[in-house]
Amino acid sequence: MKRMKSFRMAVVLALMAGPLAACLVTAAYAQGFGVLSGNILDTTGKPYADVTLVVTNNETNKTVETKSDAKGHYSLAGVAGGPYNIDLKAKDKDGKDQVIYQTGVKITAGTSPVFDINMKELMEQGKLANVEAERKRAEAEQQFQSLKVHYDAGLAAIDQMKAAQAQMSTTPKDQQEPIKEKINAAGGTAVTELSAALEVMKADDSNRSIVLSRLGEAYESMSKWQEAADTYQKSITMKPDVAANYNNLGNDLAKLGKVDDARAAYQKYVDLNPTDAALAWRNFGTVLYNSNRMKEAVEPLQKATTLDPKNATAWLLLGIAQVNTMEFKTEGDKITPVILPGTIEAYQHAIDLDPNGQIGAQAKAGLESLQAMGVGITTRVGQAPPKTAKKGKS
C-alpha cells in the first residue's frame, strides 16, 4: 500500500515539474532575448534579396549572421539586449562579399524590434557616401598589398638575375651554361611576378609606368628585345618624361636592327638628359658594334668621343668600326686600303688613355695591323694563269 502511494506521488511531481520547467525557460527567454527582423530595400526601392547582415554585439563582441530572403525580409532570433553594429554585405562583380552599408541599433532586452533598411532613402540622403569611400579605401589597401607582394618578388628575381650575369662575366665560356639557366629562370620569375602586379593595378594608376619599366628590364635579361621594347614604349606612353626609358628603348631597338627608331629614342633621351648625351651615343654605337653593324656604329661613336674624349673604349670601338667600313682601291696589281679620316687618331687616343691596359693593347694591335695593310697587298687581280706551250706534232 505504501508502495502504491509513493508511485502516485512520483507521477504528480513529474507532471508538476514538466510545465514548471517550461514556464521557467519561457520567462527567462522573455526577460533577456528577442527577435530582430525587418526588410531591406535596394537603391531602386525594390526588395534586396540575398544580402548578408553581420550583427555584432558591441559589449560582448559576439557576431551572428543572417541573410535576406527573396522578399528582402530577414529575421534573427535569440538576440540579447544591448548596442549592436550591423554590416550589410553584398556580392560584387567578382562574387566577393563587400560591405555596402554600416549602421547601429540598440535593442531592449526581451523585445523584438523591427529594423528596416532602405538603401534608396539612404542614398538620397547621402548616407552611403562614407561607406562607399571606406569600401574603396579597403579595396585599394588590399590591391596595394597584393601588388607589393608581386612587385617585391619581381625585384628580388631581377637582383638574382643581375648577380648571375655578373658571375657569368667572370666565368669561362665552357662553364657558363648553368649560369645562363639561372638567368633565364630568374628572368622568367621576374616577368611572371611583375605581370601579376600589373594585373591588380588599375589602368590609370600612375605607378604602372614604374612596374612596366622593371618588366622591360626582365624581358631584356632573357634577350626578348621586342617584348622589352614594347613594354618600355607602354611605360613611355604613361610617363613620357622619364629619360631612362628612352635609353633602354634605344638599346632594344638597336638590337632589333631598327636603327632609325633607335636613334630617335636616344635623341629623346639626350633631349631630356643632355648631361648624359655621351653615354647615350656610346650605348647606341656599342649596341650597333656588337650587332656587327659597323658602318652605322661610326656616327654615334663619333658623337660619343666628341662629347667625352676621355673614354678609351669609345675611341677603340670607333677605330675598329672605321677599319671595318673602309674601302679599297686597286692600282694595277695592288689593292690599297682607303683609310677613313680619324681612324689612326682613334686608335692613338685609346692607347694614350689606357697605355698599359687591355683597351690600349687592343688599340696597339689594331694600329699595327692597319699600318701593315697600308703597305699594300700584292695580287694578280683579273690576270689569267700563264699558258703552257703546246707540243708540236711529231
Protein backbone atom coordinates (compact mmCIF):
# COMPACT_ATOMS: atom_id res chain seq x y z
CA MET A 1 0.00 0.00 0.00
CA LYS A 2 2.77 2.39 0.89
CA ARG A 3 4.48 1.40 -2.34
CA MET A 4 1.42 2.44 -4.40
CA LYS A 5 1.19 5.81 -2.63
CA SER A 6 4.87 6.51 -3.40
CA PHE A 7 4.31 5.76 -7.09
CA ARG A 8 1.31 8.14 -7.28
CA MET A 9 3.28 10.88 -5.59
CA ALA A 10 6.16 10.50 -8.09
CA VAL A 11 3.74 10.83 -11.02
CA VAL A 12 2.20 14.00 -9.58
CA LEU A 13 5.62 15.53 -9.01
CA ALA A 14 6.69 14.67 -12.56
CA LEU A 15 3.59 16.28 -14.01
CA MET A 16 4.24 19.38 -11.95
CA ALA A 17 7.92 19.56 -12.85
CA GLY A 18 7.34 19.46 -16.62
CA PRO A 19 5.12 22.52 -17.07
CA LEU A 20 7.01 24.40 -14.36
CA ALA A 21 10.35 23.91 -16.11
CA ALA A 22 8.87 25.02 -19.42
CA CYS A 23 7.40 28.05 -17.77
CA LEU A 24 10.71 28.99 -16.22
CA VAL A 25 12.56 28.77 -19.57
CA THR A 26 9.93 30.86 -21.30
CA ALA A 27 10.15 33.51 -18.63
CA ALA A 28 13.97 33.63 -18.87
CA TYR A 29 13.75 33.96 -22.66
CA ALA A 30 11.21 36.72 -22.41
CA GLN A 31 13.35 38.60 -19.94
CA GLY A 32 16.66 38.53 -21.91
CA PHE A 33 16.24 37.60 -25.59
CA GLY A 34 14.23 38.77 -28.56
CA VAL A 35 13.93 38.65 -32.35
CA LEU A 36 15.46 41.27 -34.64
CA SER A 37 13.71 41.43 -38.00
CA GLY A 38 12.98 43.78 -40.85
CA ASN A 39 13.00 44.39 -44.59
CA ILE A 40 15.83 45.59 -46.82
CA LEU A 41 15.23 47.61 -49.98
CA ASP A 42 17.92 48.26 -52.60
CA THR A 43 18.85 51.63 -54.16
CA THR A 44 15.90 51.36 -56.55
CA GLY A 45 13.45 50.74 -53.70
CA LYS A 46 12.91 47.07 -54.53
CA PRO A 47 13.34 44.12 -52.12
CA TYR A 48 17.05 43.38 -51.68
CA ALA A 49 17.49 39.61 -51.68
CA ASP A 50 20.49 37.58 -50.55
CA VAL A 51 22.06 40.39 -48.53
CA THR A 52 24.16 39.25 -45.57
CA LEU A 53 23.66 41.01 -42.25
CA VAL A 54 26.59 40.72 -39.85
CA VAL A 55 25.26 41.67 -36.41
CA THR A 56 27.90 42.31 -33.72
CA ASN A 57 27.19 42.93 -30.03
CA ASN A 58 29.41 45.86 -29.01
CA GLU A 59 29.60 44.70 -25.39
CA THR A 60 30.40 41.01 -25.89
CA ASN A 61 31.91 41.29 -29.39
CA LYS A 62 29.83 38.25 -30.34
CA THR A 63 28.87 38.16 -34.03
CA VAL A 64 25.97 36.39 -35.75
CA GLU A 65 24.87 36.43 -39.38
CA THR A 66 21.66 36.09 -41.33
CA LYS A 67 20.51 36.73 -44.91
CA SER A 68 17.56 38.44 -46.50
CA ASP A 69 15.14 36.24 -48.45
CA ALA A 70 13.68 36.76 -51.92
CA LYS A 71 11.33 39.43 -50.50
CA GLY A 72 14.16 41.28 -48.78
CA HIS A 73 13.00 40.11 -45.34
CA TYR A 74 15.37 38.97 -42.62
CA SER A 75 14.89 37.59 -39.11
CA LEU A 76 17.38 36.86 -36.35
CA ALA A 77 16.18 35.11 -33.16
CA GLY A 78 17.86 34.87 -29.76
CA VAL A 79 19.15 38.43 -29.71
CA ALA A 80 20.10 39.71 -26.26
CA GLY A 81 19.60 43.32 -25.27
CA GLY A 82 22.40 45.81 -25.90
CA PRO A 83 24.07 48.00 -28.56
CA TYR A 84 24.84 46.39 -31.94
CA ASN A 85 26.72 47.17 -35.13
CA ILE A 86 25.18 45.90 -38.36
CA ASP A 87 27.20 45.43 -41.55
CA LEU A 88 25.35 44.79 -44.80
CA LYS A 89 27.31 42.73 -47.30
CA ALA A 90 26.50 42.01 -50.95
CA LYS A 91 28.34 40.24 -53.76
CA ASP A 92 30.46 42.41 -56.06
CA LYS A 93 31.10 41.72 -59.75
CA ASP A 94 33.79 39.19 -58.82
CA GLY A 95 31.46 37.30 -56.49
CA LYS A 96 33.17 38.56 -53.33
CA ASP A 97 31.31 39.93 -50.30
CA GLN A 98 31.69 43.69 -49.95
CA VAL A 99 30.34 45.89 -47.14
CA ILE A 100 27.73 48.18 -48.71
CA TYR A 101 26.38 49.81 -45.56
CA GLN A 102 27.14 50.03 -41.87
CA THR A 103 24.75 51.10 -39.14
CA GLY A 104 23.94 50.56 -35.47
CA VAL A 105 20.92 49.66 -33.40
CA LYS A 106 20.19 49.41 -29.66
CA ILE A 107 17.95 46.54 -28.60
CA THR A 108 16.00 46.48 -25.35
CA ALA A 109 16.19 43.13 -23.59
CA GLY A 110 13.24 40.84 -24.25
CA THR A 111 11.85 42.91 -27.16
CA SER A 112 11.51 42.00 -30.83
CA PRO A 113 12.16 45.22 -32.76
CA VAL A 114 11.57 45.69 -36.48
CA PHE A 115 14.57 47.36 -38.11
CA ASP A 116 14.13 48.19 -41.80
CA ILE A 117 16.93 49.41 -44.08
CA ASN A 118 16.01 51.39 -47.19
CA MET A 119 19.11 51.84 -49.38
CA LYS A 120 17.26 54.17 -51.74
CA GLU A 121 16.46 56.63 -48.97
CA LEU A 122 19.97 56.38 -47.58
CA MET A 123 21.47 57.11 -50.99
CA GLU A 124 19.17 60.11 -51.46
CA GLN A 125 20.23 61.37 -48.04
CA GLY A 126 23.91 60.91 -48.95
CA LYS A 127 24.48 58.48 -46.11
CA LEU A 128 26.04 55.83 -48.35
CA ALA A 129 28.94 58.05 -49.41
CA ASN A 130 31.11 57.35 -46.37
CA VAL A 131 30.55 53.62 -46.61
CA GLU A 132 31.45 53.63 -50.31
CA ALA A 133 34.57 55.66 -49.61
CA GLU A 134 35.61 53.22 -46.91
CA ARG A 135 34.92 50.27 -49.19
CA LYS A 136 37.11 51.79 -51.90
CA ARG A 137 39.84 52.51 -49.37
CA ALA A 138 39.77 48.90 -48.14
CA GLU A 139 39.80 47.63 -51.72
CA ALA A 140 42.75 49.87 -52.58
CA GLU A 141 44.60 48.64 -49.49
CA GLN A 142 44.02 45.04 -50.49
CA GLN A 143 45.18 45.73 -54.04
CA PHE A 144 48.28 47.50 -52.76
CA GLN A 145 49.24 44.58 -50.54
CA SER A 146 48.80 42.15 -53.42
CA LEU A 147 50.74 44.47 -55.71
CA LYS A 148 53.55 44.83 -53.19
CA VAL A 149 53.94 41.07 -52.82
CA HIS A 150 54.26 40.55 -56.58
CA TYR A 151 56.38 43.67 -57.15
CA ASP A 152 58.85 42.79 -54.39
CA ALA A 153 59.11 39.23 -55.71
CA GLY A 154 59.80 40.61 -59.20
CA LEU A 155 62.55 42.91 -57.93
CA ALA A 156 64.12 40.07 -55.94
CA ALA A 157 64.20 37.96 -59.12
CA ILE A 158 65.83 40.82 -61.04
CA ASP A 159 68.51 41.09 -58.33
CA GLN A 160 69.17 37.34 -58.65
CA MET A 161 69.39 37.74 -62.40
CA LYS A 162 71.93 40.58 -62.15
CA ALA A 163 74.05 38.60 -59.68
CA ALA A 164 74.10 35.67 -62.12
CA GLN A 165 75.01 37.98 -65.01
CA ALA A 166 77.92 39.39 -63.01
CA GLN A 167 79.04 35.84 -62.22
CA MET A 168 78.89 34.85 -65.88
CA SER A 169 81.10 37.76 -66.94
CA THR A 170 83.97 36.20 -64.96
CA THR A 171 83.22 32.57 -65.86
CA PRO A 172 84.88 30.70 -68.77
CA LYS A 173 82.52 30.12 -71.71
CA ASP A 174 82.55 26.35 -71.34
CA GLN A 175 81.19 26.74 -67.79
CA GLN A 176 78.51 29.34 -68.45
CA GLU A 177 75.55 27.11 -69.31
CA PRO A 178 74.32 26.57 -65.69
CA ILE A 179 74.58 30.32 -65.08
CA LYS A 180 72.55 31.04 -68.23
CA GLU A 181 69.86 28.74 -66.88
CA LYS A 182 69.83 30.73 -63.62
CA ILE A 183 69.47 33.97 -65.55
CA ASN A 184 66.58 32.64 -67.63
CA ALA A 185 64.85 31.20 -64.57
CA ALA A 186 65.19 34.46 -62.62
CA GLY A 187 64.09 36.46 -65.64
CA GLY A 188 61.04 34.23 -66.07
CA THR A 189 60.11 34.68 -62.42
CA ALA A 190 60.52 38.43 -62.71
CA VAL A 191 58.26 38.54 -65.78
CA THR A 192 55.60 36.42 -64.04
CA GLU A 193 55.58 38.42 -60.82
CA LEU A 194 55.69 41.86 -62.41
CA SER A 195 52.94 40.87 -64.85
CA ALA A 196 50.86 39.74 -61.86
CA ALA A 197 51.49 43.11 -60.22
CA LEU A 198 50.15 44.85 -63.32
CA GLU A 199 47.03 42.66 -63.22
CA VAL A 200 45.96 44.00 -59.83
CA MET A 201 46.71 47.63 -60.72
CA LYS A 202 44.17 49.97 -62.22
CA ALA A 203 44.73 51.02 -65.80
CA ASP A 204 45.16 54.68 -64.84
CA ASP A 205 47.46 54.06 -61.86
CA SER A 206 50.50 56.27 -62.46
CA ASN A 207 52.73 53.70 -60.77
CA ARG A 208 52.10 51.29 -63.65
CA SER A 209 54.88 53.04 -65.58
CA ILE A 210 57.39 52.02 -62.89
CA VAL A 211 56.29 48.38 -62.95
CA LEU A 212 56.38 48.40 -66.75
CA SER A 213 59.96 49.69 -66.71
CA ARG A 214 61.08 46.85 -64.45
CA LEU A 215 59.17 44.37 -66.59
CA GLY A 216 61.08 45.65 -69.63
CA GLU A 217 64.30 45.04 -67.71
CA ALA A 218 63.19 41.46 -67.02
CA TYR A 219 62.48 40.86 -70.72
CA GLU A 220 65.92 42.22 -71.60
CA SER A 221 67.55 39.70 -69.27
CA MET A 222 66.05 36.95 -71.40
CA SER A 223 67.11 38.64 -74.67
CA LYS A 224 63.47 39.23 -75.59
CA TRP A 225 64.20 42.54 -77.26
CA GLN A 226 60.82 43.05 -78.93
CA GLU A 227 58.87 42.36 -75.73
CA ALA A 228 61.22 44.67 -73.85
CA ALA A 229 60.83 47.44 -76.43
CA ASP A 230 57.03 47.13 -76.41
CA THR A 231 56.98 47.27 -72.60
CA TYR A 232 59.22 50.34 -72.41
CA GLN A 233 57.02 52.02 -75.01
CA LYS A 234 53.95 51.42 -72.80
CA SER A 235 55.79 52.97 -69.86
CA ILE A 236 56.76 55.95 -72.00
CA THR A 237 53.15 56.40 -73.10
CA MET A 238 52.13 56.73 -69.45
CA LYS A 239 55.07 58.92 -68.41
CA PRO A 240 56.84 60.46 -71.41
CA ASP A 241 59.28 62.49 -69.29
CA VAL A 242 61.28 59.57 -67.81
CA ALA A 243 64.61 59.76 -69.65
CA ALA A 244 65.95 56.30 -68.71
CA ASN A 245 63.13 54.55 -70.59
CA TYR A 246 64.26 56.12 -73.88
CA ASN A 247 67.83 54.91 -73.37
CA ASN A 248 66.62 51.37 -72.68
CA LEU A 249 64.18 51.52 -75.59
CA GLY A 250 67.01 52.66 -77.85
CA ASN A 251 69.17 49.71 -76.76
CA ASP A 252 66.42 47.22 -77.59
CA LEU A 253 65.51 48.80 -80.91
CA ALA A 254 69.17 48.85 -81.96
CA LYS A 255 69.49 45.15 -81.16
CA LEU A 256 66.41 44.54 -83.30
CA GLY A 257 68.12 46.34 -86.18
CA LYS A 258 65.64 49.24 -86.11
CA VAL A 259 68.41 51.80 -86.33
CA ASP A 260 66.35 54.87 -87.22
CA ASP A 261 63.86 54.21 -84.42
CA ALA A 262 66.72 53.59 -82.00
CA ARG A 263 68.39 56.84 -83.00
CA ALA A 264 65.14 58.71 -82.33
CA ALA A 265 64.85 57.09 -78.89
CA TYR A 266 68.43 58.00 -77.98
CA GLN A 267 67.90 61.55 -79.23
CA LYS A 268 64.85 61.86 -76.98
CA TYR A 269 66.97 60.64 -74.06
CA VAL A 270 69.59 63.28 -74.88
CA ASP A 271 66.90 65.97 -75.09
CA LEU A 272 65.62 65.07 -71.63
CA ASN A 273 69.03 64.44 -70.09
CA PRO A 274 71.67 66.39 -72.04
CA THR A 275 74.36 65.89 -69.38
CA ASP A 276 74.44 62.17 -70.29
CA ALA A 277 74.47 62.65 -74.05
CA ALA A 278 77.86 60.98 -74.40
CA LEU A 279 76.58 57.90 -72.58
CA ALA A 280 73.56 57.65 -74.86
CA TRP A 281 75.56 57.83 -78.09
CA ARG A 282 78.18 55.47 -76.71
CA ASN A 283 75.45 52.96 -75.85
CA PHE A 284 73.99 53.32 -79.33
CA GLY A 285 77.36 52.81 -81.01
CA THR A 286 78.23 49.86 -78.76
CA VAL A 287 74.97 48.03 -79.47
CA LEU A 288 75.42 48.52 -83.21
CA TYR A 289 79.06 47.43 -82.95
CA ASN A 290 78.11 44.26 -81.07
CA SER A 291 75.46 43.59 -83.72
CA ASN A 292 78.18 43.83 -86.40
CA ARG A 293 76.55 46.93 -87.89
CA MET A 294 79.91 48.69 -88.16
CA LYS A 295 79.01 51.36 -90.70
CA GLU A 296 76.02 52.51 -88.65
CA ALA A 297 78.08 52.45 -85.44
CA VAL A 298 80.53 55.10 -86.69
CA GLU A 299 78.23 58.14 -86.37
CA PRO A 300 77.10 57.61 -82.73
CA LEU A 301 80.65 56.68 -81.69
CA GLN A 302 81.96 59.87 -83.27
CA LYS A 303 79.36 61.84 -81.28
CA ALA A 304 80.30 59.98 -78.10
CA THR A 305 84.04 60.66 -78.45
CA THR A 306 83.41 64.31 -79.26
CA LEU A 307 81.26 64.75 -76.16
CA ASP A 308 83.50 62.63 -73.93
CA PRO A 309 87.05 62.44 -75.33
CA LYS A 310 88.34 60.71 -72.17
CA ASN A 311 86.63 57.36 -72.78
CA ALA A 312 89.17 54.87 -74.13
CA THR A 313 86.57 52.22 -75.02
CA ALA A 314 84.63 54.58 -77.29
CA TRP A 315 87.84 55.51 -79.17
CA LEU A 316 88.76 51.85 -79.62
CA LEU A 317 85.32 50.91 -80.94
CA LEU A 318 85.36 53.88 -83.29
CA GLY A 319 88.74 52.84 -84.69
CA ILE A 320 87.61 49.23 -85.21
CA ALA A 321 84.28 50.30 -86.76
CA GLN A 322 86.04 52.61 -89.23
CA VAL A 323 88.52 49.91 -90.18
CA ASN A 324 85.67 47.51 -90.89
CA THR A 325 83.89 50.02 -93.11
CA MET A 326 86.84 51.32 -95.12
CA GLU A 327 87.06 50.72 -98.85
CA PHE A 328 89.91 49.55 -101.05
CA LYS A 329 91.28 50.88 -104.31
CA THR A 330 93.00 48.86 -107.00
CA GLU A 331 96.08 50.19 -108.79
CA GLY A 332 97.46 47.73 -111.27
CA ASP A 333 98.13 44.56 -109.39
CA LYS A 334 97.98 46.19 -105.98
CA ILE A 335 94.99 46.63 -103.61
CA THR A 336 95.41 49.54 -101.19
CA PRO A 337 93.07 50.26 -98.28
CA VAL A 338 91.50 53.72 -98.17
CA ILE A 339 91.82 54.62 -94.51
CA LEU A 340 88.96 56.78 -93.27
CA PRO A 341 89.96 60.10 -91.72
CA GLY A 342 90.43 59.87 -87.97
CA THR A 343 90.94 56.09 -87.84
CA ILE A 344 94.60 56.19 -86.80
CA GLU A 345 93.83 59.01 -84.38
CA ALA A 346 91.04 56.94 -82.77
CA TYR A 347 93.44 54.09 -82.07
CA GLN A 348 96.06 56.51 -80.79
CA HIS A 349 93.62 58.15 -78.37
CA ALA A 350 92.72 54.72 -76.96
CA ILE A 351 96.42 53.95 -76.47
CA ASP A 352 97.10 57.30 -74.80
CA LEU A 353 94.13 56.90 -72.41
CA ASP A 354 94.91 53.27 -71.50
CA PRO A 355 98.61 52.72 -72.28
CA ASN A 356 99.03 49.65 -70.04
CA GLY A 357 95.52 48.22 -70.08
CA GLN A 358 93.52 45.84 -72.22
CA ILE A 359 91.92 48.63 -74.26
CA GLY A 360 95.31 50.12 -75.05
CA ALA A 361 96.70 46.71 -76.02
CA GLN A 362 93.83 46.11 -78.45
CA ALA A 363 94.32 49.56 -79.94
CA LYS A 364 98.03 48.91 -80.44
CA ALA A 365 97.31 45.62 -82.19
CA GLY A 366 94.72 47.30 -84.40
CA LEU A 367 97.10 50.13 -85.29
CA GLU A 368 99.87 47.69 -86.17
CA SER A 369 97.51 45.72 -88.42
CA LEU A 370 96.34 48.91 -90.06
CA GLN A 371 99.86 50.08 -90.70
CA ALA A 372 100.72 46.70 -92.20
CA MET A 373 97.73 46.90 -94.51
CA GLY A 374 98.77 50.34 -95.65
CA VAL A 375 101.83 48.92 -97.34
CA GLY A 376 99.67 47.23 -99.91
CA ILE A 377 98.61 43.73 -100.81
CA THR A 378 100.05 42.34 -103.97
CA THR A 379 97.76 40.13 -106.02
CA ARG A 380 97.14 39.17 -109.61
CA VAL A 381 93.70 40.56 -109.96
CA GLY A 382 91.98 39.55 -113.19
CA GLN A 383 95.11 38.03 -114.63
CA ALA A 384 94.76 34.63 -116.20
CA PRO A 385 97.28 31.97 -115.28
CA PRO A 386 100.19 31.57 -117.75
CA LYS A 387 99.51 29.26 -120.63
CA THR A 388 101.68 26.23 -121.19
CA ALA A 389 103.32 25.80 -124.63
CA LYS A 390 101.60 23.33 -126.92
CA LYS A 391 103.67 20.38 -128.14
CA GLY A 392 104.20 20.19 -131.87
CA LYS A 393 103.12 17.23 -133.98
CA SER A 394 105.74 14.60 -134.49
